[in-house]
Amino acid sequence: MANGQVTLAEIRQQPETWPDTVRRAREAALAPNEGAVITGAGTSAYAATAVEAAWPGSQAVGSTELFFDFHEPLAARGLVVSLARSGNSPESVAVVEKIQKALPRVRHIAVTCNAEGKLANWSGVETLVLSEKTNDRGLAMTSSFTNLVLGGYCLARLDDVEQAVDALCAGAEAVLREHESKAEELASSPPARLVALASAPLFGAAREACLKTLELTAGKVAVLPETYLGLRHGPMSFLQADSLVLCFISSDPRRRRYEMDLVAELKAKKLGRLVALAPEGVETSAFDYAIATKASSLPDYLRTPAEIVFCQLLAYHLSAQCGLDPDNPSPGGVINRVVQGVRIYED
């Protein structure tokens, strides 16, 4: 198979996999009725951030931090939800084991893409196991990310997700059908720097957009995720005229006023090539390119699966333009599909 074909297929399959994830969530009937600590490592941690936005009373804490200090976030919560592609990374298992020993009252749910993984088969863990198709074979998580987010959404508000999944699928299909050529065009002149801007409900998507670019270009493109209001407080100095700026535009008019003010400022200062991921009907003349789909008009806390697809395509084409294999952009083993080298110490 030609370079990158595995990752490209995994990006393109996403809207086909989402209804199955929602069906599996309904059948699993896990029905949490309280806030949770939502955890994962790397991309899965950014998935947790996206899910936190949809789950009142929850808190996203990366498993890379949670296994050091879990007492405080669990003081008022009795549920941990672990999100994991393989379920085999050292921290994913360690955080469950440590919490079980110290706080046996805490309930554990794992949303995972790997039925054979350690996490899916760990004693005392309830599971939502997703389709094997979502267990990405490429190094970078793509369909696994969106399905983990969707699975987490389903734990938080299943009825809302069932109503939204058709719009999410339609939005992603529109991006794949109508906008992939633009992603390839933007990647044809790789920027030295990329910024992803989002307000809080979509900040997990912004962080994941940056990580995909960083992973798939082996760090050849420098990245910065930031909030709109936060950018003025120093990080704007990162931007140059040819920087690529991905703007997740809120479907909430109150947030959007502040976002569009910042966009106007960047335009006036000639900072960046501005790409909008915006709700339908929003004025986008300030942008160099705009994408608006049905999914973009959903509440922000449900939009991440559909909105990340263009960012994945962009990262894929940047990887190829940089002369890398998107399926294995780190042939020297700097990063690996399943994290290695973590030694877990007994307290």
Protein backbone atom coordinates (compact mmCIF):
# COMPACT_ATOMS: atom_id res chain seq x y z
CA MET A 1 0.00 0.00 0.00
CA ALA A 2 1.32 3.47 -0.91
CA ASN A 3 2.57 5.80 1.79
CA GLY A 4 -0.18 7.44 3.80
CA GLN A 5 -3.05 5.37 2.45
CA VAL A 6 -3.88 3.82 5.83
CA THR A 7 -4.20 7.20 7.55
CA LEU A 8 -6.14 8.72 4.67
CA ALA A 9 -8.61 5.82 4.71
CA GLU A 10 -9.02 6.21 8.47
CA ILE A 11 -9.77 9.92 8.08
CA ARG A 12 -12.30 9.30 5.33
CA GLN A 13 -14.13 6.47 7.09
CA GLN A 14 -15.11 8.55 10.09
CA PRO A 15 -18.72 9.51 9.28
CA GLU A 16 -19.42 5.86 8.48
CA THR A 17 -18.27 4.80 11.95
CA TRP A 18 -20.08 7.34 14.10
CA PRO A 19 -23.62 5.89 14.00
CA ASP A 20 -22.18 2.54 15.12
CA THR A 21 -20.52 4.17 18.12
CA VAL A 22 -23.81 5.77 19.14
CA ARG A 23 -25.60 2.42 18.73
CA ARG A 24 -22.99 0.67 20.89
CA ALA A 25 -23.38 3.34 23.56
CA ARG A 26 -27.13 2.82 23.64
CA GLU A 27 -26.70 -0.96 23.92
CA ALA A 28 -24.04 -0.66 26.63
CA ALA A 29 -26.55 1.20 28.83
CA LEU A 30 -23.84 2.48 31.20
CA ALA A 31 -25.91 5.54 32.13
CA PRO A 32 -23.66 7.58 34.44
CA ASN A 33 -25.77 9.94 36.51
CA GLU A 34 -23.02 12.08 37.99
CA GLY A 35 -20.03 14.17 37.00
CA ALA A 36 -16.87 12.31 36.12
CA VAL A 37 -13.14 12.70 35.94
CA ILE A 38 -12.45 12.08 32.25
CA THR A 39 -8.95 10.98 31.42
CA GLY A 40 -6.63 9.85 28.65
CA ALA A 41 -3.11 10.50 27.37
CA GLY A 42 -2.04 12.58 24.37
CA THR A 43 -4.80 12.73 21.79
CA SER A 44 -7.07 10.87 24.23
CA ALA A 45 -6.50 13.68 26.75
CA TYR A 46 -7.70 16.18 24.16
CA ALA A 47 -10.69 13.93 23.56
CA ALA A 48 -11.35 14.16 27.29
CA THR A 49 -11.23 17.97 27.07
CA ALA A 50 -13.84 17.87 24.30
CA VAL A 51 -16.08 15.56 26.34
CA GLU A 52 -15.75 17.75 29.44
CA ALA A 53 -17.43 20.57 27.51
CA ALA A 54 -20.49 18.36 27.00
CA TRP A 55 -20.64 16.91 30.51
CA PRO A 56 -21.73 19.24 33.33
CA GLY A 57 -19.92 18.60 36.59
CA SER A 58 -17.05 16.75 34.91
CA GLN A 59 -13.33 17.50 34.84
CA ALA A 60 -10.81 16.44 32.21
CA VAL A 61 -7.43 15.45 33.64
CA GLY A 62 -4.77 13.78 31.52
CA SER A 63 -3.86 10.32 32.77
CA THR A 64 -0.23 11.47 32.60
CA GLU A 65 -1.11 13.77 35.53
CA LEU A 66 -4.00 11.93 37.17
CA PHE A 67 -1.92 8.98 38.31
CA PHE A 68 0.27 11.41 40.31
CA ASP A 69 -2.62 13.16 42.05
CA PHE A 70 -6.15 11.79 41.84
CA HIS A 71 -7.43 12.48 45.35
CA GLU A 72 -8.42 16.10 44.77
CA PRO A 73 -10.41 15.68 41.51
CA LEU A 74 -12.11 12.58 42.94
CA ALA A 75 -12.95 14.14 46.30
CA ALA A 76 -16.39 15.16 45.03
CA ARG A 77 -16.73 12.62 42.20
CA GLY A 78 -17.16 8.87 42.20
CA LEU A 79 -16.54 8.09 38.54
CA VAL A 80 -13.50 7.90 36.27
CA VAL A 81 -14.01 7.62 32.51
CA SER A 82 -10.90 6.52 30.65
CA LEU A 83 -10.64 7.19 26.91
CA ALA A 84 -8.09 5.06 25.04
CA ARG A 85 -7.33 3.86 21.53
CA SER A 86 -5.27 0.79 22.45
CA GLY A 87 -5.84 0.72 26.21
CA ASN A 88 -2.25 -0.46 26.54
CA SER A 89 -0.32 2.71 27.32
CA PRO A 90 1.40 2.50 30.73
CA GLU A 91 -0.41 5.49 32.22
CA SER A 92 -3.86 4.31 31.09
CA VAL A 93 -3.55 1.13 33.11
CA ALA A 94 -1.61 2.64 36.01
CA VAL A 95 -4.18 5.32 36.73
CA VAL A 96 -6.96 2.74 37.06
CA GLU A 97 -4.87 0.40 39.18
CA LYS A 98 -3.72 3.16 41.55
CA ILE A 99 -7.23 4.57 42.02
CA GLN A 100 -8.72 1.11 42.60
CA LYS A 101 -6.22 0.47 45.38
CA ALA A 102 -6.58 3.86 47.06
CA LEU A 103 -10.26 4.63 46.41
CA PRO A 104 -12.16 1.35 45.93
CA ARG A 105 -15.50 3.21 46.02
CA VAL A 106 -14.79 4.87 42.65
CA ARG A 107 -16.53 3.50 39.57
CA HIS A 108 -14.51 3.04 36.36
CA ILE A 109 -15.73 3.16 32.77
CA ALA A 110 -13.43 2.73 29.77
CA VAL A 111 -14.26 3.86 26.26
CA THR A 112 -11.76 2.09 24.05
CA CYS A 113 -11.17 1.07 20.44
CA ASN A 114 -9.38 -2.16 21.33
CA ALA A 115 -11.35 -5.11 22.68
CA GLU A 116 -8.08 -6.97 23.31
CA GLY A 117 -6.40 -4.14 25.22
CA LYS A 118 -5.48 -4.25 28.89
CA LEU A 119 -7.97 -1.53 29.79
CA ALA A 120 -10.89 -3.29 28.12
CA ASN A 121 -10.16 -6.43 30.12
CA TRP A 122 -9.17 -4.92 33.46
CA SER A 123 -11.09 -6.25 36.46
CA GLY A 124 -13.62 -3.81 37.84
CA VAL A 125 -13.80 -1.66 34.69
CA GLU A 126 -17.08 -1.30 32.78
CA THR A 127 -16.50 -0.89 29.07
CA LEU A 128 -17.84 0.75 25.97
CA VAL A 129 -15.82 -1.07 23.29
CA LEU A 130 -15.95 0.59 19.89
CA SER A 131 -15.68 -1.02 16.48
CA GLU A 132 -12.31 -2.50 15.53
CA LYS A 133 -12.41 -0.14 12.51
CA THR A 134 -11.83 2.75 14.91
CA ASN A 135 -8.62 1.20 16.26
CA ASP A 136 -6.44 3.21 13.89
CA ARG A 137 -3.42 1.43 12.44
CA GLY A 138 -1.67 4.67 11.50
CA LEU A 139 0.62 6.26 14.05
CA ALA A 140 -1.57 9.34 14.55
CA MET A 141 -5.06 8.97 15.98
CA THR A 142 -7.80 10.14 13.61
CA SER A 143 -10.99 8.05 13.58
CA SER A 144 -10.10 6.78 17.05
CA PHE A 145 -10.10 10.38 18.31
CA THR A 146 -13.51 11.29 16.93
CA ASN A 147 -15.11 8.04 18.05
CA LEU A 148 -13.68 8.33 21.56
CA VAL A 149 -15.09 11.85 21.74
CA LEU A 150 -18.45 10.64 20.46
CA GLY A 151 -18.46 7.73 22.92
CA GLY A 152 -17.77 10.16 25.76
CA TYR A 153 -20.53 12.47 24.53
CA CYS A 154 -22.91 9.51 24.63
CA LEU A 155 -22.13 8.84 28.29
CA ALA A 156 -22.88 12.47 29.06
CA ARG A 157 -26.00 13.12 26.95
CA LEU A 158 -26.99 10.17 24.79
CA ASP A 159 -30.35 11.54 23.62
CA ASP A 160 -28.75 14.76 22.35
CA VAL A 161 -26.04 12.84 20.50
CA GLU A 162 -28.58 10.56 18.83
CA GLN A 163 -30.35 13.66 17.53
CA ALA A 164 -27.08 15.28 16.39
CA VAL A 165 -25.27 12.35 14.77
CA ASP A 166 -26.87 12.79 11.34
CA ALA A 167 -25.75 16.44 11.23
CA LEU A 168 -22.24 15.45 12.38
CA CYS A 169 -22.02 12.86 9.63
CA ALA A 170 -23.36 15.26 7.00
CA GLY A 171 -20.87 17.92 8.08
CA ALA A 172 -17.90 15.56 7.87
CA GLU A 173 -19.05 14.19 4.52
CA ALA A 174 -19.31 17.74 3.15
CA VAL A 175 -15.76 18.50 4.28
CA LEU A 176 -14.43 15.31 2.70
CA ARG A 177 -16.34 15.92 -0.52
CA GLU A 178 -15.94 19.68 -0.95
CA HIS A 179 -12.91 20.87 1.01
CA GLU A 180 -10.14 18.28 0.86
CA SER A 181 -8.72 19.94 -2.24
CA LYS A 182 -8.36 23.17 -0.22
CA ALA A 183 -6.51 21.32 2.52
CA GLU A 184 -4.11 20.01 -0.12
CA GLU A 185 -3.73 23.49 -1.62
CA LEU A 186 -2.96 25.08 1.76
CA ALA A 187 -0.40 22.36 2.44
CA SER A 188 1.34 22.93 -0.89
CA SER A 189 3.22 25.84 0.71
CA PRO A 190 3.77 24.52 4.24
CA PRO A 191 3.70 27.32 6.82
CA ALA A 192 6.50 27.61 9.35
CA ARG A 193 3.83 28.14 12.02
CA LEU A 194 0.22 27.10 12.58
CA VAL A 195 -2.19 28.45 15.19
CA ALA A 196 -5.57 26.97 16.13
CA LEU A 197 -7.97 29.34 17.88
CA ALA A 198 -11.05 28.25 19.81
CA SER A 199 -13.17 29.26 22.76
CA ALA A 200 -13.46 26.80 25.65
CA PRO A 201 -16.06 24.33 24.30
CA LEU A 202 -13.94 23.66 21.19
CA PHE A 203 -10.50 24.01 22.74
CA GLY A 204 -9.99 20.24 22.78
CA ALA A 205 -10.40 20.33 19.00
CA ALA A 206 -7.89 23.19 18.71
CA ARG A 207 -5.31 21.28 20.74
CA GLU A 208 -5.87 18.14 18.71
CA ALA A 209 -5.58 20.07 15.42
CA CYS A 210 -2.18 21.29 16.54
CA LEU A 211 -1.04 17.88 17.74
CA LYS A 212 -2.00 16.25 14.43
CA THR A 213 0.09 18.82 12.55
CA LEU A 214 3.01 18.39 14.94
CA GLU A 215 2.93 14.58 14.78
CA LEU A 216 2.40 14.21 11.07
CA THR A 217 5.06 16.78 10.10
CA ALA A 218 7.59 15.48 12.66
CA GLY A 219 7.70 18.95 14.18
CA LYS A 220 8.56 20.70 10.91
CA VAL A 221 5.55 22.98 11.43
CA ALA A 222 5.54 24.78 14.79
CA VAL A 223 2.09 24.93 16.38
CA LEU A 224 0.19 26.88 19.01
CA PRO A 225 -3.36 26.28 20.29
CA GLU A 226 -4.84 29.33 22.00
CA THR A 227 -8.10 30.98 22.94
CA TYR A 228 -9.23 34.12 21.12
CA LEU A 229 -9.01 36.34 24.16
CA GLY A 230 -5.80 34.69 25.30
CA LEU A 231 -3.98 35.37 22.02
CA ARG A 232 -3.63 39.09 22.75
CA HIS A 233 -1.82 38.40 26.03
CA GLY A 234 1.52 37.61 24.45
CA PRO A 235 0.97 34.62 22.12
CA MET A 236 0.06 36.90 19.20
CA SER A 237 3.81 37.45 18.85
CA PHE A 238 4.00 33.87 17.51
CA LEU A 239 2.08 34.87 14.36
CA GLN A 240 3.65 35.91 11.09
CA ALA A 241 2.09 37.03 7.82
CA ASP A 242 2.28 33.55 6.30
CA SER A 243 1.23 31.62 9.42
CA LEU A 244 -1.83 29.44 9.00
CA VAL A 245 -4.61 30.25 11.49
CA LEU A 246 -7.44 27.76 11.97
CA CYS A 247 -10.40 29.55 13.55
CA PHE A 248 -13.09 27.47 15.24
CA ILE A 249 -15.96 29.98 15.24
CA SER A 250 -18.57 29.54 17.96
CA SER A 251 -22.23 28.85 17.29
CA ASP A 252 -22.95 30.93 20.42
CA PRO A 253 -23.44 34.58 19.35
CA ARG A 254 -22.09 35.87 22.68
CA ARG A 255 -18.77 34.12 22.27
CA ARG A 256 -18.66 34.83 18.56
CA ARG A 257 -18.63 38.63 19.03
CA TYR A 258 -15.30 38.40 20.83
CA GLU A 259 -13.92 35.88 18.34
CA MET A 260 -14.77 38.03 15.33
CA ASP A 261 -13.22 41.10 16.96
CA LEU A 262 -9.94 39.19 17.25
CA VAL A 263 -10.22 37.98 13.65
CA ALA A 264 -10.70 41.58 12.48
CA GLU A 265 -7.61 42.59 14.44
CA LEU A 266 -5.50 39.85 12.85
CA LYS A 267 -6.79 40.90 9.43
CA ALA A 268 -5.88 44.54 10.07
CA LYS A 269 -2.40 43.58 11.28
CA LYS A 270 -1.91 41.23 8.31
CA LEU A 271 -1.16 38.34 10.62
CA GLY A 272 -1.81 34.92 9.18
CA ARG A 273 -3.83 33.18 6.49
CA LEU A 274 -7.22 32.84 8.20
CA VAL A 275 -9.35 29.70 7.79
CA ALA A 276 -12.80 29.60 9.41
CA LEU A 277 -14.73 26.57 10.62
CA ALA A 278 -17.96 28.46 11.12
CA PRO A 279 -21.71 27.97 11.57
CA GLU A 280 -23.87 28.39 8.51
CA GLY A 281 -25.03 31.96 7.94
CA VAL A 282 -22.13 33.61 9.78
CA GLU A 283 -20.39 36.44 7.92
CA THR A 284 -16.97 35.13 6.85
CA SER A 285 -15.65 37.81 4.48
CA ALA A 286 -12.72 38.51 6.85
CA PHE A 287 -11.33 35.02 6.24
CA ASP A 288 -9.14 33.78 3.43
CA TYR A 289 -11.18 30.56 3.35
CA ALA A 290 -14.32 29.43 5.17
CA ILE A 291 -16.02 26.10 5.76
CA ALA A 292 -19.61 26.03 6.99
CA THR A 293 -21.62 22.83 7.41
CA LYS A 294 -24.70 21.60 9.24
CA ALA A 295 -22.47 20.29 12.00
CA SER A 296 -21.00 23.75 12.60
CA SER A 297 -24.40 25.07 13.66
CA LEU A 298 -24.76 22.51 16.46
CA PRO A 299 -23.98 23.56 20.03
CA ASP A 300 -20.21 23.96 20.31
CA TYR A 301 -19.90 21.14 22.83
CA LEU A 302 -21.09 18.63 20.19
CA ARG A 303 -19.09 19.85 17.19
CA THR A 304 -15.59 18.44 17.71
CA PRO A 305 -15.92 15.16 15.74
CA ALA A 306 -17.00 16.92 12.55
CA GLU A 307 -14.83 20.02 12.88
CA ILE A 308 -11.56 18.14 13.33
CA VAL A 309 -11.85 16.36 9.96
CA PHE A 310 -10.57 19.31 7.90
CA CYS A 311 -7.69 19.73 10.35
CA GLN A 312 -6.79 16.05 9.97
CA LEU A 313 -6.81 16.38 6.17
CA LEU A 314 -4.60 19.45 6.38
CA ALA A 315 -2.11 17.66 8.65
CA TYR A 316 -2.12 14.66 6.34
CA HIS A 317 -1.29 16.76 3.27
CA LEU A 318 1.30 18.79 5.19
CA SER A 319 2.98 15.51 6.12
CA ALA A 320 3.12 14.39 2.51
CA GLN A 321 4.37 17.81 1.39
CA CYS A 322 7.17 17.58 3.96
CA GLY A 323 8.30 14.34 2.33
CA LEU A 324 7.08 12.11 5.14
CA ASP A 325 4.90 9.01 5.23
CA PRO A 326 1.73 10.05 7.12
CA ASP A 327 1.28 6.45 8.28
CA ASN A 328 4.72 6.50 9.90
CA PRO A 329 5.94 10.10 10.15
CA SER A 330 8.50 9.19 12.81
CA PRO A 331 10.54 6.38 11.23
CA GLY A 332 13.34 6.95 13.75
CA GLY A 333 11.00 6.01 16.58
CA VAL A 334 10.93 9.41 18.29
CA ILE A 335 7.23 8.78 18.89
CA ASN A 336 5.35 5.48 18.70
CA ARG A 337 1.78 4.33 18.15
CA VAL A 338 1.66 3.05 21.74
CA VAL A 339 3.81 5.07 24.12
CA GLN A 340 6.97 3.34 25.28
CA GLY A 341 9.60 3.98 27.90
CA VAL A 342 7.36 4.92 30.83
CA ARG A 343 8.42 3.28 34.08
CA ILE A 344 5.64 3.13 36.67
CA TYR A 345 6.95 3.34 40.23
CA GLU A 346 5.13 1.91 43.23
CA ASP A 347 4.28 4.63 45.74
